[in-house]
Protein backbone atom coordinates (compact mmCIF):
# COMPACT_ATOMS: atom_id res chain seq x y z
CA MET A 1 109.65 37.83 119.17
CA THR A 2 108.80 41.16 117.59
CA ILE A 3 106.17 43.17 119.41
CA PRO A 4 103.97 45.09 116.94
CA ASN A 5 103.95 48.85 117.33
CA THR A 6 100.35 49.62 118.21
CA ASN A 7 101.10 53.33 118.53
CA ARG A 8 102.02 53.80 114.88
CA PRO A 9 100.19 56.89 113.62
CA VAL A 10 97.90 56.83 110.61
CA ILE A 11 99.34 59.07 107.92
CA HIS A 12 96.87 60.99 105.76
CA LYS A 13 99.05 62.11 102.86
CA GLY A 14 97.97 65.52 101.66
CA LEU A 15 95.55 65.63 104.63
CA ASN A 16 93.22 63.60 102.43
CA GLY A 17 90.00 62.89 104.29
CA VAL A 18 91.06 64.87 107.38
CA VAL A 19 88.51 67.35 108.78
CA VAL A 20 90.55 70.07 110.47
CA ASP A 21 87.91 72.68 111.35
CA SER A 22 84.35 73.88 110.78
CA THR A 23 83.24 76.55 108.32
CA SER A 24 79.98 78.28 107.45
CA ILE A 25 81.26 79.69 104.15
CA SER A 26 80.89 76.91 101.59
CA ASP A 27 80.12 73.23 101.29
CA VAL A 28 79.51 70.49 98.76
CA ASP A 29 75.93 69.44 99.47
CA PRO A 30 75.68 65.67 98.80
CA THR A 31 71.89 65.81 98.48
CA ILE A 32 72.14 67.92 95.33
CA THR A 33 75.81 67.19 94.48
CA SER A 34 76.43 70.90 94.38
CA LEU A 35 78.90 73.40 95.73
CA THR A 36 77.05 75.92 97.89
CA TYR A 37 78.05 79.36 99.16
CA ARG A 38 76.37 80.13 102.48
CA GLY A 39 73.74 77.53 101.51
CA TYR A 40 73.05 78.80 97.98
CA PRO A 41 73.91 76.46 95.05
CA VAL A 42 76.76 78.11 93.18
CA GLN A 43 75.21 77.53 89.77
CA GLU A 44 72.15 79.53 90.83
CA LEU A 45 74.32 82.35 92.18
CA ALA A 46 76.29 82.45 88.93
CA THR A 47 73.18 82.83 86.78
CA GLU A 48 71.01 84.95 89.08
CA CYS A 49 73.48 87.24 90.89
CA SER A 50 76.38 89.50 90.01
CA PHE A 51 79.87 88.76 91.28
CA GLU A 52 79.57 91.78 93.57
CA GLU A 53 76.47 90.29 95.19
CA VAL A 54 78.30 87.00 95.67
CA ALA A 55 81.29 88.76 97.23
CA TYR A 56 78.95 90.52 99.66
CA LEU A 57 77.31 87.18 100.48
CA LEU A 58 80.61 85.44 101.21
CA TRP A 59 81.79 88.27 103.44
CA ASN A 60 78.53 89.03 105.24
CA GLY A 61 76.55 85.78 105.22
CA GLU A 62 73.52 87.13 103.35
CA LEU A 63 72.83 88.51 99.90
CA PRO A 64 72.66 92.33 99.88
CA ASP A 65 69.51 94.35 99.46
CA PRO A 66 69.63 97.09 96.79
CA GLY A 67 70.91 99.72 99.21
CA GLU A 68 73.62 97.47 100.63
CA LEU A 69 74.73 96.46 97.14
CA SER A 70 74.87 100.08 95.99
CA LEU A 71 77.05 101.11 98.95
CA PHE A 72 79.29 98.05 98.56
CA SER A 73 79.77 98.65 94.83
CA GLN A 74 80.44 102.35 95.37
CA ARG A 75 83.17 101.60 97.91
CA GLU A 76 84.77 99.05 95.58
CA ARG A 77 84.63 101.26 92.49
CA THR A 78 86.22 104.26 94.23
CA SER A 79 89.15 102.09 95.41
CA ARG A 80 90.32 100.76 92.02
CA SER A 81 93.12 103.19 91.25
CA ILE A 82 96.63 102.18 92.25
CA ASP A 83 99.52 104.29 93.52
CA PRO A 84 101.87 105.41 90.70
CA ARG A 85 104.71 103.77 92.63
CA LEU A 86 102.94 100.42 92.38
CA GLN A 87 102.49 100.97 88.65
CA ASP A 88 106.23 101.66 88.40
CA LEU A 89 106.89 98.44 90.32
CA ILE A 90 104.72 96.46 87.90
CA PHE A 91 106.59 97.90 84.93
CA SER A 92 109.94 97.15 86.57
CA MET A 93 109.22 93.42 86.84
CA PRO A 94 110.83 91.11 84.25
CA GLU A 95 108.57 90.55 81.26
CA ASN A 96 109.51 86.87 81.22
CA CYS A 97 108.33 86.23 84.78
CA HIS A 98 104.91 84.69 85.28
CA PRO A 99 102.10 87.21 85.89
CA MET A 100 101.48 85.44 89.21
CA ASP A 101 104.91 86.67 90.33
CA VAL A 102 103.84 90.24 89.61
CA LEU A 103 100.53 89.73 91.38
CA ARG A 104 102.15 88.15 94.45
CA THR A 105 104.61 91.05 94.67
CA ALA A 106 101.82 93.60 94.29
CA VAL A 107 99.84 92.06 97.17
CA SER A 108 102.87 92.27 99.41
CA TRP A 109 103.50 95.89 98.38
CA LEU A 110 99.90 96.82 99.10
CA GLY A 111 100.20 95.19 102.52
CA ALA A 112 103.26 97.27 103.34
CA ARG A 113 101.25 100.39 102.56
CA ASP A 114 98.08 99.36 104.43
CA GLN A 115 98.75 99.39 108.16
CA ASN A 116 95.07 99.21 109.15
CA HIS A 117 94.68 95.49 108.35
CA ASP A 118 90.93 95.31 108.97
CA VAL A 119 89.99 92.05 107.24
CA HIS A 120 87.06 93.22 105.19
CA GLN A 121 88.49 96.64 104.43
CA SER A 122 91.70 95.03 103.22
CA GLY A 123 89.70 92.47 101.26
CA LEU A 124 87.68 95.20 99.56
CA SER A 125 90.86 97.07 98.68
CA LEU A 126 92.32 93.93 97.10
CA LEU A 127 89.08 93.19 95.26
CA ALA A 128 89.23 96.69 93.79
CA LYS A 129 92.95 97.02 93.06
CA LEU A 130 94.09 93.56 91.94
CA PRO A 131 92.12 93.69 88.65
CA THR A 132 93.96 96.94 87.93
CA VAL A 133 97.31 95.28 88.68
CA VAL A 134 96.57 92.34 86.39
CA ALA A 135 95.21 94.49 83.55
CA TYR A 136 98.20 96.86 83.72
CA ASP A 137 100.58 93.89 83.60
CA LEU A 138 98.73 92.42 80.60
CA ARG A 139 98.85 95.75 78.76
CA ARG A 140 102.53 96.39 79.43
CA ARG A 141 103.49 92.92 78.13
CA ARG A 142 101.60 93.74 74.94
CA GLY A 143 103.44 97.04 74.63
CA ALA A 144 100.19 98.97 75.03
CA ASP A 145 99.36 101.98 77.18
CA VAL A 146 97.46 101.19 80.36
CA ILE A 147 93.77 102.02 80.62
CA ALA A 148 92.75 103.53 83.94
CA PRO A 149 89.91 101.80 85.80
CA SER A 150 86.35 102.98 85.32
CA ARG A 151 83.97 103.89 88.12
CA ASP A 152 80.92 103.24 85.95
CA ARG A 153 81.33 99.51 85.40
CA GLY A 154 80.98 96.35 87.45
CA VAL A 155 84.01 94.26 88.40
CA ALA A 156 83.83 91.99 85.34
CA SER A 157 83.13 94.74 82.81
CA ASN A 158 85.80 97.01 84.30
CA PHE A 159 88.49 94.34 84.08
CA LEU A 160 87.72 93.60 80.43
CA TYR A 161 87.63 97.34 79.74
CA MET A 162 91.08 97.86 81.31
CA CYS A 163 92.44 94.97 79.23
CA PHE A 164 90.82 95.74 75.87
CA GLY A 165 89.25 99.20 75.97
CA ASP A 166 85.69 99.91 74.87
CA GLY A 167 85.92 99.61 71.09
CA PRO A 168 83.29 97.70 69.11
CA GLU A 169 85.39 94.50 69.15
CA SER A 170 86.13 94.66 72.88
CA PRO A 171 84.51 92.01 75.11
CA ALA A 172 83.85 94.84 77.56
CA THR A 173 81.14 96.13 75.19
CA ASN A 174 79.48 92.73 74.62
CA PHE A 175 76.78 91.78 77.14
CA TYR A 176 77.32 88.03 76.83
CA ASP A 177 81.12 88.34 77.08
CA VAL A 178 80.80 90.33 80.30
CA GLU A 179 78.15 87.93 81.61
CA ALA A 180 80.36 84.91 80.91
CA PHE A 181 83.36 86.49 82.62
CA ASP A 182 81.24 87.57 85.59
CA ARG A 183 79.92 84.02 85.96
CA SER A 184 83.44 82.65 85.92
CA LEU A 185 84.41 84.94 88.80
CA THR A 186 81.49 83.65 90.86
CA LEU A 187 82.33 80.02 90.09
CA TYR A 188 85.97 80.53 91.06
CA ALA A 189 85.26 82.66 94.14
CA GLU A 190 85.30 80.00 96.84
CA HIS A 191 85.84 76.29 97.40
CA SER A 192 86.22 75.44 101.08
CA PHE A 193 89.60 74.24 102.41
CA ASN A 194 91.47 73.91 99.11
CA ALA A 195 95.26 74.27 99.11
CA SER A 196 95.44 78.06 98.77
CA THR A 197 92.61 78.71 101.22
CA PHE A 198 94.15 76.38 103.77
CA THR A 199 97.45 78.19 103.27
CA ALA A 200 95.71 81.47 104.05
CA ARG A 201 94.12 79.96 107.16
CA VAL A 202 97.43 78.53 108.39
CA ILE A 203 99.10 81.92 108.07
CA SER A 204 96.12 83.65 109.68
CA SER A 205 96.20 81.19 112.57
CA THR A 206 99.57 82.66 113.59
CA LEU A 207 97.77 86.03 113.83
CA SER A 208 99.77 87.35 110.92
CA ASP A 209 98.13 90.06 108.81
CA VAL A 210 95.64 89.71 105.95
CA TYR A 211 98.14 90.59 103.23
CA SER A 212 100.65 88.00 104.41
CA ALA A 213 97.91 85.37 104.28
CA ILE A 214 96.81 86.44 100.79
CA THR A 215 100.42 86.54 99.57
CA GLY A 216 100.89 82.96 100.74
CA ALA A 217 97.62 81.93 99.12
CA VAL A 218 98.72 83.43 95.81
CA GLY A 219 101.92 81.40 96.04
CA ALA A 220 99.94 78.21 96.63
CA LEU A 221 97.57 78.95 93.75
CA LYS A 222 100.49 79.43 91.39
CA GLY A 223 101.22 75.71 91.50
CA PRO A 224 100.04 73.76 88.44
CA LEU A 225 98.27 71.17 90.60
CA HIS A 226 96.00 73.90 91.96
CA GLY A 227 95.55 77.14 90.04
CA GLY A 228 97.51 76.58 86.87
CA ALA A 229 95.16 73.99 85.39
CA ASN A 230 93.10 76.38 83.26
CA GLU A 231 96.31 77.54 81.58
CA ALA A 232 97.37 73.93 80.98
CA VAL A 233 93.98 73.13 79.43
CA MET A 234 94.38 75.76 76.75
CA GLU A 235 98.03 74.91 76.16
CA ALA A 236 96.97 71.30 75.55
CA MET A 237 94.24 72.36 73.13
CA LEU A 238 96.68 74.51 71.19
CA GLU A 239 99.13 71.61 71.10
CA ILE A 240 96.45 69.27 69.74
CA GLY A 241 95.43 71.85 67.16
CA ASP A 242 92.81 69.78 65.33
CA PRO A 243 89.64 68.35 66.95
CA ASP A 244 90.14 65.18 64.90
CA ARG A 245 93.35 64.55 66.84
CA ALA A 246 91.86 65.21 70.28
CA ALA A 247 90.60 61.73 71.18
CA ASP A 248 93.85 60.02 70.16
CA TRP A 249 95.84 62.62 72.11
CA VAL A 250 93.82 61.95 75.25
CA ARG A 251 94.17 58.19 74.90
CA ALA A 252 97.92 58.48 74.37
CA GLN A 253 98.32 60.66 77.45
CA VAL A 254 96.26 58.28 79.58
CA ASP A 255 98.18 55.24 78.32
CA ALA A 256 101.46 56.99 79.15
CA GLY A 257 100.28 57.68 82.68
CA ASN A 258 100.32 61.45 82.21
CA LYS A 259 97.94 63.68 84.13
CA ILE A 260 95.55 65.64 81.91
CA MET A 261 94.71 68.99 83.46
CA GLY A 262 91.08 70.06 83.64
CA PHE A 263 89.78 66.65 84.63
CA GLY A 264 88.97 65.15 88.01
CA HIS A 265 88.74 66.72 91.45
CA ARG A 266 89.68 65.79 95.00
CA VAL A 267 86.16 66.57 96.25
CA TYR A 268 83.77 65.72 93.40
CA ARG A 269 83.19 62.12 92.40
CA THR A 270 80.13 62.44 90.14
CA GLY A 271 81.01 65.64 88.33
CA ASP A 272 81.89 69.23 89.20
CA SER A 273 78.64 71.15 89.73
CA ARG A 274 80.25 74.32 88.37
CA VAL A 275 80.96 72.83 84.95
CA PRO A 276 77.49 72.99 83.30
CA THR A 277 77.16 76.74 83.95
CA MET A 278 80.64 77.51 82.69
CA GLU A 279 80.23 75.17 79.72
CA GLU A 280 76.98 76.88 78.71
CA SER A 281 78.74 80.25 78.66
CA MET A 282 81.72 78.79 76.81
CA ARG A 283 79.47 77.42 74.06
CA ARG A 284 77.61 80.72 73.75
CA ILE A 285 80.85 82.67 73.45
CA ALA A 286 82.16 80.19 70.87
CA ALA A 287 79.06 80.72 68.72
CA SER A 288 79.68 84.47 68.58
CA HIS A 289 83.49 84.38 68.39
CA GLY A 290 84.05 81.75 65.74
CA GLY A 291 85.22 79.26 68.35
CA GLU A 292 83.60 76.10 67.00
CA THR A 293 87.02 74.42 66.85
CA TRP A 294 87.44 74.72 70.60
CA VAL A 295 83.95 73.38 71.27
CA GLN A 296 84.59 70.37 69.04
CA MET A 297 87.90 69.75 70.78
CA TYR A 298 86.28 70.18 74.19
CA ASP A 299 83.64 67.57 73.36
CA ALA A 300 86.12 65.12 71.84
CA MET A 301 88.50 65.34 74.78
CA ALA A 302 85.74 65.03 77.38
CA GLU A 303 84.20 62.03 75.64
CA ALA A 304 87.54 60.23 75.22
CA MET A 305 88.52 60.91 78.83
CA GLU A 306 85.25 59.58 80.19
CA GLU A 307 85.38 56.48 77.97
CA ARG A 308 88.96 55.65 78.93
CA THR A 309 89.00 56.65 82.63
CA GLY A 310 85.49 57.60 83.76
CA ILE A 311 86.93 60.94 84.91
CA LEU A 312 84.84 64.05 84.22
CA PRO A 313 85.87 67.67 83.57
CA ASN A 314 86.31 70.20 86.34
CA LEU A 315 85.75 73.97 86.16
CA ASP A 316 89.14 74.63 84.57
CA PHE A 317 88.26 72.66 81.42
CA PRO A 318 85.59 75.02 80.05
CA ALA A 319 87.19 78.11 81.63
CA GLY A 320 90.41 77.74 79.64
CA PRO A 321 88.89 78.02 76.14
CA LEU A 322 86.39 80.62 77.38
CA TYR A 323 89.14 82.98 78.51
CA HIS A 324 91.09 82.31 75.32
CA MET A 325 88.11 83.25 73.14
CA LEU A 326 87.67 86.47 75.12
CA GLY A 327 91.20 87.37 74.02
CA ILE A 328 92.96 86.97 77.37
CA ASP A 329 96.58 85.83 77.19
CA ILE A 330 97.01 82.33 78.63
CA PRO A 331 99.51 83.25 81.42
CA PHE A 332 96.83 85.53 82.87
CA PHE A 333 94.25 82.78 83.41
CA THR A 334 95.54 81.97 86.91
CA PRO A 335 95.73 85.65 87.98
CA ILE A 336 92.05 85.88 87.04
CA PHE A 337 91.48 82.96 89.41
CA VAL A 338 93.10 85.13 92.10
CA LEU A 339 90.79 88.07 91.35
CA ALA A 340 87.84 85.83 92.17
CA ARG A 341 89.29 83.68 94.96
CA THR A 342 90.51 86.71 96.94
CA VAL A 343 86.90 87.00 98.09
CA GLY A 344 86.85 83.44 99.41
CA TRP A 345 90.28 83.75 100.99
CA THR A 346 89.24 86.91 102.83
CA ALA A 347 86.08 85.24 104.14
CA HIS A 348 88.17 82.37 105.51
CA ILE A 349 90.74 84.68 107.06
CA ALA A 350 87.95 86.49 108.91
CA GLU A 351 86.47 83.16 110.03
CA GLN A 352 89.88 81.96 111.24
CA TYR A 353 90.47 85.12 113.25
CA ALA A 354 87.01 84.88 114.82
CA ASP A 355 87.64 81.46 116.39
CA ASN A 356 91.37 80.98 116.15
CA SER A 357 93.57 78.08 117.08
CA LEU A 358 97.14 77.86 115.82
CA ILE A 359 97.27 75.27 113.05
CA ARG A 360 100.20 73.05 113.92
CA PRO A 361 99.91 69.40 112.80
CA LEU A 362 102.24 66.65 113.94
CA SER A 363 104.58 64.58 111.79
CA ASN A 364 105.73 60.98 111.84
CA TYR A 365 109.52 60.89 112.12
CA VAL A 366 111.16 58.20 109.96
CA GLY A 367 114.78 59.36 110.08
CA PRO A 368 117.76 57.77 111.88
CA GLY A 369 117.44 56.83 115.53
CA ARG A 370 119.36 58.61 118.25
CA ARG A 371 123.07 58.85 117.45
CA GLU A 372 126.17 60.07 119.29
CA ILE A 373 128.79 62.35 117.77
CA ASN A 374 132.22 60.74 117.56
CA PRO A 375 134.59 63.48 118.77
CA GLN A 376 137.51 62.06 116.78
CA ALA A 377 135.41 61.90 113.59
CA ALA A 378 134.16 65.43 114.19
CA ALA A 379 137.73 66.69 114.56
């Protein structure tokens, strides 16, 4: 008679459905089916507040008053320049490596230089300097001279300026381009215990430093199942080429069992609350940048996907063509994700430090039972 093993653990692959801790930073409110930051619906923050205000909110728990925002912005703007040795390091990296490799290396280098390791001070330094790192990397791959950061522009405008300058065709000089990019930063800034944020919290739980946690988070975000989706969206659209081919392409991918990036989400079941805001900006940018082809393809793909699977777009689906129409090179889409999510990561690192417990889950061993070494066989 076989006695059933009543002590067999329940395995939650990918920690799906497991609640591992509490947080006051963000939540998906089921009553309004919306992602909220500190209680505010993210779509309202994206349309009513600047990214700097949202960063302050995530780090401090409340939106800033004018004086607090002015001081916060001043501190960020005066910290944007990078050490010439870091610039040399960026230019020494292989041009065929992914920009996320450069960004990950830069975070680690900055951590070696910053021995203070105050969470919010380090977070502010990263918020200020990482856009410079990414813009310098983009410029050097294009064979163009770098453009030093400005102290007279907000985070979104400054990044576009460092990438494209301030000529009449630059998105940095177009109000709606800057607004769209700023909104994208807010929408990407935070999303509870996602893979990269949880990575940062695991590293922080060992009482390692902020930069180690952020470096690990960057590595997690590099994976195509997490941060690389917005790149994959645009690559797919370029592969399709013609909106008239989009629906058939989607159906063929679904029938072949292939995952289509930019659709579905582990948390949302009735649609990503960030999508309408990003889609609105994407359509506005398309109207002024001759991007009707991408809008038509977007609509055709979304409709075919919903008809065939019932799965709806996530934030990456409108963000991909938006960034492309702004002129940003596709490999830099995920680094832009980092520029925004650094704020959320830093908020979680501070929260982990404040009420820390080493994160150390158990595993279910399924290997061989106990065995003895045969001395003759070993000889």
